[in-house]
């Protein structure tokens, strides 16, 4: 993986929330500036759905729409200050999508979200993209990863070099194709100053956030075939004979709402968003269209211990241009697992 840039480079940095630009790429931004390259940064949300620091700082319990909007505006201004401190060599655009809302937008195949991402990519014409990784357990991060991959595919930029980052991850050392950007002491100090610009986040997380000004920033390149990682829970995912075959490592307790989510893109059928409920029992299970709840096909689910083998008929939707799957169950804040891409070939 190369961290060398030139004045001809045009990087597109896609961030889920204010503070991710400093935590994940504070050193990278400095290298982009030093090389004379240019960049555009998309801040996808303003981070307005961030109630506990707001409650602590403002000494209030109830947070309504007006309070959330004001908090998001504060966080956006902190990001602008952090980028100025880093000497960001380009323009930051704040898209204003809802915080904690990227997974619903992905699952509903929201056209406005995809149109805006595609428009930004086409307008900027990037030479490299920096975005969240599928391994990140924040629902906005891993959903944005899928949305970015679909947008790059639609705009003809799918083959661009990518640098992916994780902020919320268990055992990041197991993620493949990792490379570290070693920072000088001066770069670390400037990154720390940028992190501290996010004063709304310092009230509860100063020590944790400041720790991101470490000697290295770690990034990941796309792997030809992703090996199993505990952040994904799906060690096997492949298409064969008109069926999507999945092997899923289940948690000890499924809980309510456990399901497999499927996000597919088909040249003939368009965007496909499906849900397969998991009860912990072996048998035939109906696959549902997420937007309508309409039953689509009967999948075969076989469960032995904490391993589920699943076979889903998908011939009617084939061929796929992109296909992603995710094990989902209800959690308090972070996801149980991120999205895994299924190899589909290129039709």
C-alpha atoms as a PDB file:
ATOM      1  CA  UNK A   1       0.000   0.000   0.000  1.00  0.00           C
ATOM      2  CA  UNK A   2       1.373   3.390  -0.978  1.00  0.00           C
ATOM      3  CA  UNK A   3       0.948   6.543   1.072  1.00  0.00           C
ATOM      4  CA  UNK A   4       2.777   8.661  -1.479  1.00  0.00           C
ATOM      5  CA  UNK A   5       0.800  11.395  -3.201  1.00  0.00           C
ATOM      6  CA  UNK A   6       1.524  13.907  -5.943  1.00  0.00           C
ATOM      7  CA  UNK A   7       0.080  17.286  -6.962  1.00  0.00           C
ATOM      8  CA  UNK A   8      -1.946  15.406  -9.591  1.00  0.00           C
ATOM      9  CA  UNK A   9      -3.843  13.403  -6.955  1.00  0.00           C
ATOM     10  CA  UNK A  10      -7.454  14.248  -6.110  1.00  0.00           C
ATOM     11  CA  UNK A  11      -8.565  12.417  -2.979  1.00  0.00           C
ATOM     12  CA  UNK A  12     -12.161  12.009  -1.848  1.00  0.00           C
ATOM     13  CA  UNK A  13     -12.456  11.515   1.925  1.00  0.00           C
ATOM     14  CA  UNK A  14     -15.873  10.281   3.055  1.00  0.00           C
ATOM     15  CA  UNK A  15     -16.521  10.621   6.797  1.00  0.00           C
ATOM     16  CA  UNK A  16     -19.602   9.433   8.712  1.00  0.00           C
ATOM     17  CA  UNK A  17     -19.411  12.005  11.562  1.00  0.00           C
ATOM     18  CA  UNK A  18     -17.529  15.074  12.744  1.00  0.00           C
ATOM     19  CA  UNK A  19     -14.414  13.799  14.594  1.00  0.00           C
ATOM     20  CA  UNK A  20     -13.821  10.823  12.268  1.00  0.00           C
ATOM     21  CA  UNK A  21     -11.699  13.075  10.049  1.00  0.00           C
ATOM     22  CA  UNK A  22      -9.301  13.696  12.941  1.00  0.00           C
ATOM     23  CA  UNK A  23      -9.421  10.298  14.646  1.00  0.00           C
ATOM     24  CA  UNK A  24      -8.974   8.203  11.490  1.00  0.00           C
ATOM     25  CA  UNK A  25      -7.147  10.463   9.032  1.00  0.00           C
ATOM     26  CA  UNK A  26      -5.506  13.317  10.952  1.00  0.00           C
ATOM     27  CA  UNK A  27      -2.064  12.130   9.856  1.00  0.00           C
ATOM     28  CA  UNK A  28      -3.119  11.217   6.323  1.00  0.00           C
ATOM     29  CA  UNK A  29      -4.538  14.702   5.762  1.00  0.00           C
ATOM     30  CA  UNK A  30      -1.181  16.189   6.695  1.00  0.00           C
ATOM     31  CA  UNK A  31       0.592  13.949   4.172  1.00  0.00           C
ATOM     32  CA  UNK A  32      -1.871  14.919   1.451  1.00  0.00           C
ATOM     33  CA  UNK A  33      -1.167  18.589   2.145  1.00  0.00           C
ATOM     34  CA  UNK A  34       2.601  18.084   2.250  1.00  0.00           C
ATOM     35  CA  UNK A  35       2.515  16.375  -1.171  1.00  0.00           C
ATOM     36  CA  UNK A  36       0.624  19.251  -2.774  1.00  0.00           C
ATOM     37  CA  UNK A  37      -2.349  17.017  -3.589  1.00  0.00           C
ATOM     38  CA  UNK A  38      -5.926  18.281  -3.391  1.00  0.00           C
ATOM     39  CA  UNK A  39      -8.875  16.736  -1.597  1.00  0.00           C
ATOM     40  CA  UNK A  40     -12.584  16.996  -1.022  1.00  0.00           C
ATOM     41  CA  UNK A  41     -14.075  15.809   2.249  1.00  0.00           C
ATOM     42  CA  UNK A  42     -17.697  14.738   2.548  1.00  0.00           C
ATOM     43  CA  UNK A  43     -19.037  14.914   6.106  1.00  0.00           C
ATOM     44  CA  UNK A  44     -22.063  12.695   5.675  1.00  0.00           C
ATOM     45  CA  UNK A  45     -23.816  13.521   8.978  1.00  0.00           C
ATOM     46  CA  UNK A  46     -23.430  16.304  11.535  1.00  0.00           C
ATOM     47  CA  UNK A  47     -23.362  13.837  14.450  1.00  0.00           C
ATOM     48  CA  UNK A  48     -26.469  15.375  15.983  1.00  0.00           C
ATOM     49  CA  UNK A  49     -27.768  12.136  17.512  1.00  0.00           C
ATOM     50  CA  UNK A  50     -25.180  12.154  20.283  1.00  0.00           C
ATOM     51  CA  UNK A  51     -27.308  12.497  23.417  1.00  0.00           C
ATOM     52  CA  UNK A  52     -25.083  11.557  26.358  1.00  0.00           C
ATOM     53  CA  UNK A  53     -22.355  14.169  25.888  1.00  0.00           C
ATOM     54  CA  UNK A  54     -25.079  16.717  25.168  1.00  0.00           C
ATOM     55  CA  UNK A  55     -26.982  15.813  28.332  1.00  0.00           C
ATOM     56  CA  UNK A  56     -23.804  16.059  30.376  1.00  0.00           C
ATOM     57  CA  UNK A  57     -22.613  19.328  28.891  1.00  0.00           C
ATOM     58  CA  UNK A  58     -25.983  21.109  28.789  1.00  0.00           C
ATOM     59  CA  UNK A  59     -27.354  19.636  32.009  1.00  0.00           C
ATOM     60  CA  UNK A  60     -30.612  18.628  30.333  1.00  0.00           C
ATOM     61  CA  UNK A  61     -32.397  15.285  30.009  1.00  0.00           C
ATOM     62  CA  UNK A  62     -34.883  15.870  27.214  1.00  0.00           C
ATOM     63  CA  UNK A  63     -33.334  16.452  23.804  1.00  0.00           C
ATOM     64  CA  UNK A  64     -35.762  17.399  21.072  1.00  0.00           C
ATOM     65  CA  UNK A  65     -35.262  18.120  17.361  1.00  0.00           C
ATOM     66  CA  UNK A  66     -34.193  21.732  17.965  1.00  0.00           C
ATOM     67  CA  UNK A  67     -31.586  20.711  20.529  1.00  0.00           C
ATOM     68  CA  UNK A  68     -30.248  17.962  18.269  1.00  0.00           C
ATOM     69  CA  UNK A  69     -29.983  20.356  15.331  1.00  0.00           C
ATOM     70  CA  UNK A  70     -28.088  22.891  17.429  1.00  0.00           C
ATOM     71  CA  UNK A  71     -25.739  20.163  18.706  1.00  0.00           C
ATOM     72  CA  UNK A  72     -25.076  18.985  15.162  1.00  0.00           C
ATOM     73  CA  UNK A  73     -24.228  22.540  14.114  1.00  0.00           C
ATOM     74  CA  UNK A  74     -21.725  22.732  16.990  1.00  0.00           C
ATOM     75  CA  UNK A  75     -20.113  19.474  15.960  1.00  0.00           C
ATOM     76  CA  UNK A  76     -19.884  20.558  12.331  1.00  0.00           C
ATOM     77  CA  UNK A  77     -18.127  23.749  13.397  1.00  0.00           C
ATOM     78  CA  UNK A  78     -15.680  21.705  15.480  1.00  0.00           C
ATOM     79  CA  UNK A  79     -14.858  19.637  12.384  1.00  0.00           C
ATOM     80  CA  UNK A  80     -14.203  22.805  10.382  1.00  0.00           C
ATOM     81  CA  UNK A  81     -11.847  24.019  13.104  1.00  0.00           C
ATOM     82  CA  UNK A  82     -10.062  20.643  13.190  1.00  0.00           C
ATOM     83  CA  UNK A  83      -9.622  20.617   9.413  1.00  0.00           C
ATOM     84  CA  UNK A  84      -8.247  24.149   9.492  1.00  0.00           C
ATOM     85  CA  UNK A  85      -5.784  23.072  12.191  1.00  0.00           C
ATOM     86  CA  UNK A  86      -4.637  20.190   9.972  1.00  0.00           C
ATOM     87  CA  UNK A  87      -4.304  22.482   6.953  1.00  0.00           C
ATOM     88  CA  UNK A  88      -6.814  20.470   4.934  1.00  0.00           C
ATOM     89  CA  UNK A  89      -5.919  21.059   1.272  1.00  0.00           C
ATOM     90  CA  UNK A  90      -9.355  21.356  -0.215  1.00  0.00           C
ATOM     91  CA  UNK A  91     -13.056  21.720   0.508  1.00  0.00           C
ATOM     92  CA  UNK A  92     -15.291  20.124   3.107  1.00  0.00           C
ATOM     93  CA  UNK A  93     -18.924  19.553   2.253  1.00  0.00           C
ATOM     94  CA  UNK A  94     -21.507  18.748   4.921  1.00  0.00           C
ATOM     95  CA  UNK A  95     -24.258  16.581   3.443  1.00  0.00           C
ATOM     96  CA  UNK A  96     -26.609  16.711   6.440  1.00  0.00           C
ATOM     97  CA  UNK A  97     -27.823  13.121   6.326  1.00  0.00           C
ATOM     98  CA  UNK A  98     -29.286  11.903   9.648  1.00  0.00           C
ATOM     99  CA  UNK A  99     -26.913  10.671  12.321  1.00  0.00           C
ATOM    100  CA  UNK A 100     -27.664   6.981  13.095  1.00  0.00           C
ATOM    101  CA  UNK A 101     -29.620   6.978   9.844  1.00  0.00           C
ATOM    102  CA  UNK A 102     -27.294   5.477   7.267  1.00  0.00           C
ATOM    103  CA  UNK A 103     -28.369   1.868   7.821  1.00  0.00           C
ATOM    104  CA  UNK A 104     -32.072   2.707   7.313  1.00  0.00           C
ATOM    105  CA  UNK A 105     -31.160   4.629   4.150  1.00  0.00           C
ATOM    106  CA  UNK A 106     -29.186   1.675   2.858  1.00  0.00           C
ATOM    107  CA  UNK A 107     -31.935  -0.816   3.691  1.00  0.00           C
ATOM    108  CA  UNK A 108     -34.586   1.352   2.038  1.00  0.00           C
ATOM    109  CA  UNK A 109     -32.363   1.926  -1.019  1.00  0.00           C
ATOM    110  CA  UNK A 110     -33.000   5.643  -0.559  1.00  0.00           C
ATOM    111  CA  UNK A 111     -32.545   7.247  -3.995  1.00  0.00           C
ATOM    112  CA  UNK A 112     -31.667  10.728  -2.682  1.00  0.00           C
ATOM    113  CA  UNK A 113     -28.713   9.357  -0.707  1.00  0.00           C
ATOM    114  CA  UNK A 114     -27.322   7.450  -3.671  1.00  0.00           C
ATOM    115  CA  UNK A 115     -27.887  10.340  -6.072  1.00  0.00           C
ATOM    116  CA  UNK A 116     -25.949  12.731  -3.835  1.00  0.00           C
ATOM    117  CA  UNK A 117     -23.015  10.362  -3.371  1.00  0.00           C
ATOM    118  CA  UNK A 118     -22.852   9.646  -7.101  1.00  0.00           C
ATOM    119  CA  UNK A 119     -23.034  13.362  -7.917  1.00  0.00           C
ATOM    120  CA  UNK A 120     -20.159  14.166  -5.563  1.00  0.00           C
ATOM    121  CA  UNK A 121     -17.995  11.408  -7.038  1.00  0.00           C
ATOM    122  CA  UNK A 122     -18.690  12.445 -10.623  1.00  0.00           C
ATOM    123  CA  UNK A 123     -18.079  16.120  -9.882  1.00  0.00           C
ATOM    124  CA  UNK A 124     -14.791  15.588  -8.029  1.00  0.00           C
ATOM    125  CA  UNK A 125     -13.362  12.861 -10.307  1.00  0.00           C
ATOM    126  CA  UNK A 126     -11.146  11.391  -7.552  1.00  0.00           C
ATOM    127  CA  UNK A 127      -7.948   9.436  -8.053  1.00  0.00           C
ATOM    128  CA  UNK A 128      -8.269   7.736  -4.649  1.00  0.00           C
ATOM    129  CA  UNK A 129     -11.078   7.279  -2.128  1.00  0.00           C
ATOM    130  CA  UNK A 130     -10.805   7.185   1.671  1.00  0.00           C
ATOM    131  CA  UNK A 131     -13.862   5.755   3.438  1.00  0.00           C
ATOM    132  CA  UNK A 132     -14.972   3.598   6.392  1.00  0.00           C
ATOM    133  CA  UNK A 133     -14.320  -0.134   6.411  1.00  0.00           C
ATOM    134  CA  UNK A 134     -16.956  -2.858   6.430  1.00  0.00           C
ATOM    135  CA  UNK A 135     -15.326  -4.147   9.622  1.00  0.00           C
ATOM    136  CA  UNK A 136     -16.290  -1.034  11.612  1.00  0.00           C
ATOM    137  CA  UNK A 137     -19.069  -1.848  14.075  1.00  0.00           C
ATOM    138  CA  UNK A 138     -20.727   1.569  14.085  1.00  0.00           C
ATOM    139  CA  UNK A 139     -23.919   1.209  11.999  1.00  0.00           C
ATOM    140  CA  UNK A 140     -23.315   4.506  10.184  1.00  0.00           C
ATOM    141  CA  UNK A 141     -19.756   3.491   9.330  1.00  0.00           C
ATOM    142  CA  UNK A 142     -20.400   0.035   7.904  1.00  0.00           C
ATOM    143  CA  UNK A 143     -23.579   1.099   6.076  1.00  0.00           C
ATOM    144  CA  UNK A 144     -21.706   4.033   4.540  1.00  0.00           C
ATOM    145  CA  UNK A 145     -19.045   1.592   3.370  1.00  0.00           C
ATOM    146  CA  UNK A 146     -21.703  -0.305   1.369  1.00  0.00           C
ATOM    147  CA  UNK A 147     -23.272   2.888   0.018  1.00  0.00           C
ATOM    148  CA  UNK A 148     -19.867   4.143  -1.136  1.00  0.00           C
ATOM    149  CA  UNK A 149     -19.074   0.868  -2.918  1.00  0.00           C
ATOM    150  CA  UNK A 150     -22.409   0.944  -4.731  1.00  0.00           C
ATOM    151  CA  UNK A 151     -21.929   4.597  -5.694  1.00  0.00           C
ATOM    152  CA  UNK A 152     -18.427   3.918  -7.010  1.00  0.00           C
ATOM    153  CA  UNK A 153     -19.804   1.020  -9.061  1.00  0.00           C
ATOM    154  CA  UNK A 154     -22.601   3.116 -10.529  1.00  0.00           C
ATOM    155  CA  UNK A 155     -20.298   5.969 -11.479  1.00  0.00           C
ATOM    156  CA  UNK A 156     -17.600   3.805 -13.048  1.00  0.00           C
ATOM    157  CA  UNK A 157     -15.030   4.404 -10.310  1.00  0.00           C
ATOM    158  CA  UNK A 158     -15.150   0.939  -8.685  1.00  0.00           C
ATOM    159  CA  UNK A 159     -11.537   0.177  -9.648  1.00  0.00           C
ATOM    160  CA  UNK A 160     -10.125   3.267  -7.914  1.00  0.00           C
ATOM    161  CA  UNK A 161      -7.560   2.667  -5.152  1.00  0.00           C
ATOM    162  CA  UNK A 162      -9.208   2.865  -1.736  1.00  0.00           C
ATOM    163  CA  UNK A 163      -7.972   3.409   1.795  1.00  0.00           C
ATOM    164  CA  UNK A 164     -10.442   2.196   4.407  1.00  0.00           C
ATOM    165  CA  UNK A 165     -10.350   2.951   8.117  1.00  0.00           C
ATOM    166  CA  UNK A 166     -11.873   1.580  11.301  1.00  0.00           C
ATOM    167  CA  UNK A 167     -12.758   3.570  14.399  1.00  0.00           C
ATOM    168  CA  UNK A 168     -14.965   1.035  16.237  1.00  0.00           C
ATOM    169  CA  UNK A 169     -13.567  -2.475  15.892  1.00  0.00           C
ATOM    170  CA  UNK A 170     -12.787  -5.649  17.820  1.00  0.00           C
ATOM    171  CA  UNK A 171      -9.392  -7.176  17.006  1.00  0.00           C
ATOM    172  CA  UNK A 172      -8.424  -4.833  14.139  1.00  0.00           C
ATOM    173  CA  UNK A 173      -5.103  -6.663  13.817  1.00  0.00           C
ATOM    174  CA  UNK A 174      -6.953  -9.521  12.083  1.00  0.00           C
ATOM    175  CA  UNK A 175      -8.257  -7.361   9.245  1.00  0.00           C
ATOM    176  CA  UNK A 176      -6.419  -8.240   6.012  1.00  0.00           C
ATOM    177  CA  UNK A 177      -4.452  -5.896   3.737  1.00  0.00           C
ATOM    178  CA  UNK A 178      -3.538  -3.535   6.536  1.00  0.00           C
ATOM    179  CA  UNK A 179      -0.775  -0.977   6.307  1.00  0.00           C
ATOM    180  CA  UNK A 180       0.396   1.627   8.767  1.00  0.00           C
ATOM    181  CA  UNK A 181       1.204   5.250   8.106  1.00  0.00           C
ATOM    182  CA  UNK A 182       3.987   6.129  10.573  1.00  0.00           C
ATOM    183  CA  UNK A 183       3.654   9.663  11.905  1.00  0.00           C
ATOM    184  CA  UNK A 184       6.397  11.989  13.035  1.00  0.00           C
ATOM    185  CA  UNK A 185       6.185  13.501  16.494  1.00  0.00           C
ATOM    186  CA  UNK A 186       5.129  16.826  14.947  1.00  0.00           C
ATOM    187  CA  UNK A 187       2.380  15.102  12.958  1.00  0.00           C
ATOM    188  CA  UNK A 188       1.143  13.310  16.059  1.00  0.00           C
ATOM    189  CA  UNK A 189       1.006  16.556  17.989  1.00  0.00           C
ATOM    190  CA  UNK A 190      -0.945  18.316  15.252  1.00  0.00           C
ATOM    191  CA  UNK A 191      -3.336  15.384  15.026  1.00  0.00           C
ATOM    192  CA  UNK A 192      -3.879  15.557  18.781  1.00  0.00           C
ATOM    193  CA  UNK A 193      -4.645  19.271  18.532  1.00  0.00           C
ATOM    194  CA  UNK A 194      -7.198  18.550  15.812  1.00  0.00           C
ATOM    195  CA  UNK A 195      -8.845  15.852  17.937  1.00  0.00           C
ATOM    196  CA  UNK A 196      -9.103  18.251  20.866  1.00  0.00           C
ATOM    197  CA  UNK A 197     -10.976  20.721  18.652  1.00  0.00           C
ATOM    198  CA  UNK A 198     -13.978  18.419  19.136  1.00  0.00           C
ATOM    199  CA  UNK A 199     -14.794  19.912  22.531  1.00  0.00           C
ATOM    200  CA  UNK A 200     -18.312  18.440  22.657  1.00  0.00           C
ATOM    201  CA  UNK A 201     -16.761  14.970  22.665  1.00  0.00           C
ATOM    202  CA  UNK A 202     -14.098  15.743  25.238  1.00  0.00           C
ATOM    203  CA  UNK A 203     -16.529  15.939  28.164  1.00  0.00           C
ATOM    204  CA  UNK A 204     -16.916  12.145  28.313  1.00  0.00           C
ATOM    205  CA  UNK A 205     -14.232  10.764  25.975  1.00  0.00           C
ATOM    206  CA  UNK A 206     -11.122  12.966  26.172  1.00  0.00           C
ATOM    207  CA  UNK A 207      -8.708  10.191  27.172  1.00  0.00           C
ATOM    208  CA  UNK A 208     -10.089   7.715  24.633  1.00  0.00           C
ATOM    209  CA  UNK A 209     -10.094  10.229  21.800  1.00  0.00           C
ATOM    210  CA  UNK A 210      -6.640  11.623  22.548  1.00  0.00           C
ATOM    211  CA  UNK A 211      -5.268   8.073  22.404  1.00  0.00           C
ATOM    212  CA  UNK A 212      -5.921   8.071  18.640  1.00  0.00           C
ATOM    213  CA  UNK A 213      -2.913  10.391  18.239  1.00  0.00           C
ATOM    214  CA  UNK A 214      -0.760   7.266  18.263  1.00  0.00           C
ATOM    215  CA  UNK A 215       2.464   6.705  16.286  1.00  0.00           C
ATOM    216  CA  UNK A 216       0.651   5.047  13.382  1.00  0.00           C
ATOM    217  CA  UNK A 217      -2.587   5.392  11.448  1.00  0.00           C
ATOM    218  CA  UNK A 218      -3.758   2.056  10.085  1.00  0.00           C
ATOM    219  CA  UNK A 219      -5.650   1.672   6.810  1.00  0.00           C
ATOM    220  CA  UNK A 220      -6.910  -1.267   4.796  1.00  0.00           C
ATOM    221  CA  UNK A 221      -7.075  -1.985   1.099  1.00  0.00           C
ATOM    222  CA  UNK A 222      -9.789  -4.135  -0.510  1.00  0.00           C
ATOM    223  CA  UNK A 223      -8.952  -7.825  -0.235  1.00  0.00           C
ATOM    224  CA  UNK A 224      -9.604 -10.103  -3.263  1.00  0.00           C
ATOM    225  CA  UNK A 225     -11.443 -12.509  -0.978  1.00  0.00           C
ATOM    226  CA  UNK A 226     -12.131 -11.419   2.566  1.00  0.00           C
ATOM    227  CA  UNK A 227     -11.122 -14.064   5.123  1.00  0.00           C
ATOM    228  CA  UNK A 228     -13.220 -14.601   8.201  1.00  0.00           C
ATOM    229  CA  UNK A 229     -13.090 -11.941  10.878  1.00  0.00           C
ATOM    230  CA  UNK A 230     -15.143 -11.883  14.109  1.00  0.00           C
ATOM    231  CA  UNK A 231     -16.528  -8.446  13.171  1.00  0.00           C
ATOM    232  CA  UNK A 232     -18.368  -9.998  10.209  1.00  0.00           C
ATOM    233  CA  UNK A 233     -19.733 -13.315  11.638  1.00  0.00           C
ATOM    234  CA  UNK A 234     -20.029 -14.788   8.127  1.00  0.00           C
ATOM    235  CA  UNK A 235     -17.010 -16.960   7.288  1.00  0.00           C
ATOM    236  CA  UNK A 236     -18.590 -18.317   4.081  1.00  0.00           C
ATOM    237  CA  UNK A 237     -20.520 -16.327   1.491  1.00  0.00           C
ATOM    238  CA  UNK A 238     -20.731 -17.428  -2.138  1.00  0.00           C
ATOM    239  CA  UNK A 239     -23.096 -17.822  -5.072  1.00  0.00           C
ATOM    240  CA  UNK A 240     -23.585 -21.258  -6.592  1.00  0.00           C
ATOM    241  CA  UNK A 241     -26.234 -22.756  -8.876  1.00  0.00           C
ATOM    242  CA  UNK A 242     -28.701 -19.908  -8.428  1.00  0.00           C
ATOM    243  CA  UNK A 243     -28.385 -19.771  -4.637  1.00  0.00           C
ATOM    244  CA  UNK A 244     -26.683 -17.548  -2.103  1.00  0.00           C
ATOM    245  CA  UNK A 245     -24.869 -19.820   0.360  1.00  0.00           C
ATOM    246  CA  UNK A 246     -23.925 -18.481   3.783  1.00  0.00           C
ATOM    247  CA  UNK A 247     -22.149 -19.884   6.806  1.00  0.00           C
ATOM    248  CA  UNK A 248     -22.889 -17.811   9.899  1.00  0.00           C
ATOM    249  CA  UNK A 249     -21.241 -17.945  13.314  1.00  0.00           C
ATOM    250  CA  UNK A 250     -24.079 -17.262  15.752  1.00  0.00           C
ATOM    251  CA  UNK A 251     -23.765 -15.624  19.169  1.00  0.00           C
ATOM    252  CA  UNK A 252     -24.691 -17.723  22.242  1.00  0.00           C
ATOM    253  CA  UNK A 253     -28.035 -15.917  22.387  1.00  0.00           C
ATOM    254  CA  UNK A 254     -29.766 -14.672  19.261  1.00  0.00           C
ATOM    255  CA  UNK A 255     -32.235 -12.399  20.978  1.00  0.00           C
ATOM    256  CA  UNK A 256     -35.193 -10.758  19.293  1.00  0.00           C
ATOM    257  CA  UNK A 257     -34.899  -9.384  15.803  1.00  0.00           C
ATOM    258  CA  UNK A 258     -31.964 -11.523  14.677  1.00  0.00           C
ATOM    259  CA  UNK A 259     -31.756 -11.664  10.898  1.00  0.00           C
ATOM    260  CA  UNK A 260     -29.586 -11.795   7.816  1.00  0.00           C
ATOM    261  CA  UNK A 261     -29.756  -8.568   5.834  1.00  0.00           C
ATOM    262  CA  UNK A 262     -29.001  -8.656   2.114  1.00  0.00           C
ATOM    263  CA  UNK A 263     -28.201  -5.623  -0.041  1.00  0.00           C
ATOM    264  CA  UNK A 264     -27.892  -6.459  -3.714  1.00  0.00           C
ATOM    265  CA  UNK A 265     -27.501  -4.469  -6.901  1.00  0.00           C
ATOM    266  CA  UNK A 266     -28.783  -6.086 -10.091  1.00  0.00           C
ATOM    267  CA  UNK A 267     -28.411  -4.613 -13.600  1.00  0.00           C
ATOM    268  CA  UNK A 268     -31.906  -5.870 -14.464  1.00  0.00           C
ATOM    269  CA  UNK A 269     -33.732  -5.638 -11.092  1.00  0.00           C
ATOM    270  CA  UNK A 270     -32.111  -2.549  -9.577  1.00  0.00           C
ATOM    271  CA  UNK A 271     -31.549  -2.258  -5.823  1.00  0.00           C
ATOM    272  CA  UNK A 272     -32.644  -5.324  -3.820  1.00  0.00           C
ATOM    273  CA  UNK A 273     -32.971  -5.236  -0.036  1.00  0.00           C
ATOM    274  CA  UNK A 274     -34.013  -8.452   1.689  1.00  0.00           C
ATOM    275  CA  UNK A 275     -34.323  -9.798   5.220  1.00  0.00           C
ATOM    276  CA  UNK A 276     -34.130 -13.383   6.448  1.00  0.00           C
ATOM    277  CA  UNK A 277     -35.351 -13.738  10.074  1.00  0.00           C
ATOM    278  CA  UNK A 278     -33.391 -16.124  12.302  1.00  0.00           C
ATOM    279  CA  UNK A 279     -35.089 -17.861  15.206  1.00  0.00           C
ATOM    280  CA  UNK A 280     -32.389 -20.366  16.079  1.00  0.00           C
ATOM    281  CA  UNK A 281     -34.387 -23.232  14.561  1.00  0.00           C
ATOM    282  CA  UNK A 282     -33.687 -25.386  11.516  1.00  0.00           C
ATOM    283  CA  UNK A 283     -36.192 -25.330   8.654  1.00  0.00           C
ATOM    284  CA  UNK A 284     -37.628 -23.338   5.775  1.00  0.00           C
ATOM    285  CA  UNK A 285     -37.719 -19.586   6.361  1.00  0.00           C
ATOM    286  CA  UNK A 286     -39.313 -16.945   4.181  1.00  0.00           C
ATOM    287  CA  UNK A 287     -37.071 -14.206   2.783  1.00  0.00           C
ATOM    288  CA  UNK A 288     -38.813 -10.819   2.931  1.00  0.00           C
ATOM    289  CA  UNK A 289     -38.475  -7.625   0.949  1.00  0.00           C
ATOM    290  CA  UNK A 290     -37.417  -5.079   3.565  1.00  0.00           C
ATOM    291  CA  UNK A 291     -39.373  -2.105   2.224  1.00  0.00           C
ATOM    292  CA  UNK A 292     -42.723  -3.920   1.982  1.00  0.00           C
ATOM    293  CA  UNK A 293     -42.417  -7.057   4.111  1.00  0.00           C
ATOM    294  CA  UNK A 294     -43.523  -9.053   1.073  1.00  0.00           C
ATOM    295  CA  UNK A 295     -42.357 -12.700   1.098  1.00  0.00           C
ATOM    296  CA  UNK A 296     -40.043 -13.506  -1.813  1.00  0.00           C
ATOM    297  CA  UNK A 297     -38.611 -17.010  -1.494  1.00  0.00           C
ATOM    298  CA  UNK A 298     -38.106 -19.843   0.959  1.00  0.00           C
ATOM    299  CA  UNK A 299     -34.577 -20.205   2.290  1.00  0.00           C
ATOM    300  CA  UNK A 300     -33.189 -23.344   3.891  1.00  0.00           C
ATOM    301  CA  UNK A 301     -31.670 -22.800   7.346  1.00  0.00           C
ATOM    302  CA  UNK A 302     -29.744 -25.539   9.124  1.00  0.00           C
ATOM    303  CA  UNK A 303     -28.382 -24.804  12.591  1.00  0.00           C
ATOM    304  CA  UNK A 304     -25.921 -26.954  14.493  1.00  0.00           C
ATOM    305  CA  UNK A 305     -24.664 -25.439  17.727  1.00  0.00           C
ATOM    306  CA  UNK A 306     -23.513 -21.904  16.987  1.00  0.00           C
ATOM    307  CA  UNK A 307     -23.179 -22.392  13.220  1.00  0.00           C
ATOM    308  CA  UNK A 308     -25.944 -21.728  10.716  1.00  0.00           C
ATOM    309  CA  UNK A 309     -25.798 -22.936   7.100  1.00  0.00           C
ATOM    310  CA  UNK A 310     -28.174 -20.954   4.908  1.00  0.00           C
ATOM    311  CA  UNK A 311     -29.185 -21.391   1.271  1.00  0.00           C
ATOM    312  CA  UNK A 312     -31.248 -18.633  -0.346  1.00  0.00           C
ATOM    313  CA  UNK A 313     -32.647 -18.926  -3.910  1.00  0.00           C
ATOM    314  CA  UNK A 314     -31.563 -15.815  -5.852  1.00  0.00           C
ATOM    315  CA  UNK A 315     -31.665 -16.935  -9.502  1.00  0.00           C
ATOM    316  CA  UNK A 316     -34.564 -14.587 -10.296  1.00  0.00           C
ATOM    317  CA  UNK A 317     -32.441 -11.572  -9.332  1.00  0.00           C
ATOM    318  CA  UNK A 318     -29.191 -12.644 -10.988  1.00  0.00           C
ATOM    319  CA  UNK A 319     -26.818 -11.473 -12.224  1.00  0.00           C
ATOM    320  CA  UNK A 320     -25.633  -9.147  -9.463  1.00  0.00           C
ATOM    321  CA  UNK A 321     -23.221  -6.265  -9.893  1.00  0.00           C
ATOM    322  CA  UNK A 322     -22.631  -6.040  -6.117  1.00  0.00           C
ATOM    323  CA  UNK A 323     -23.921  -8.135  -3.226  1.00  0.00           C
ATOM    324  CA  UNK A 324     -23.486  -7.601   0.518  1.00  0.00           C
ATOM    325  CA  UNK A 325     -24.714  -9.579   3.526  1.00  0.00           C
ATOM    326  CA  UNK A 326     -24.814  -8.884   7.234  1.00  0.00           C
ATOM    327  CA  UNK A 327     -25.763 -10.709  10.407  1.00  0.00           C
ATOM    328  CA  UNK A 328     -27.930  -8.378  12.481  1.00  0.00           C
ATOM    329  CA  UNK A 329     -29.343  -8.513  15.970  1.00  0.00           C
ATOM    330  CA  UNK A 330     -30.506  -5.792  18.313  1.00  0.00           C
ATOM    331  CA  UNK A 331     -27.795  -4.057  20.272  1.00  0.00           C
ATOM    332  CA  UNK A 332     -27.604  -0.896  22.368  1.00  0.00           C
ATOM    333  CA  UNK A 333     -25.281   1.185  20.189  1.00  0.00           C
ATOM    334  CA  UNK A 334     -22.663  -0.590  18.077  1.00  0.00           C
ATOM    335  CA  UNK A 335     -23.581  -3.384  15.685  1.00  0.00           C
ATOM    336  CA  UNK A 336     -22.866  -7.021  16.386  1.00  0.00           C
ATOM    337  CA  UNK A 337     -21.294  -7.345  12.925  1.00  0.00           C
ATOM    338  CA  UNK A 338     -20.463  -5.387   9.797  1.00  0.00           C
ATOM    339  CA  UNK A 339     -21.318  -6.070   6.154  1.00  0.00           C
ATOM    340  CA  UNK A 340     -19.521  -8.716   4.127  1.00  0.00           C
ATOM    341  CA  UNK A 341     -19.250  -8.509   0.343  1.00  0.00           C
ATOM    342  CA  UNK A 342     -20.137 -11.623  -1.647  1.00  0.00           C
ATOM    343  CA  UNK A 343     -17.997 -12.280  -4.766  1.00  0.00           C
ATOM    344  CA  UNK A 344     -20.214 -12.028  -7.838  1.00  0.00           C
ATOM    345  CA  UNK A 345     -17.776 -11.714 -10.741  1.00  0.00           C
ATOM    346  CA  UNK A 346     -18.280  -8.763 -13.019  1.00  0.00           C
ATOM    347  CA  UNK A 347     -21.106  -8.946 -15.509  1.00  0.00           C
END
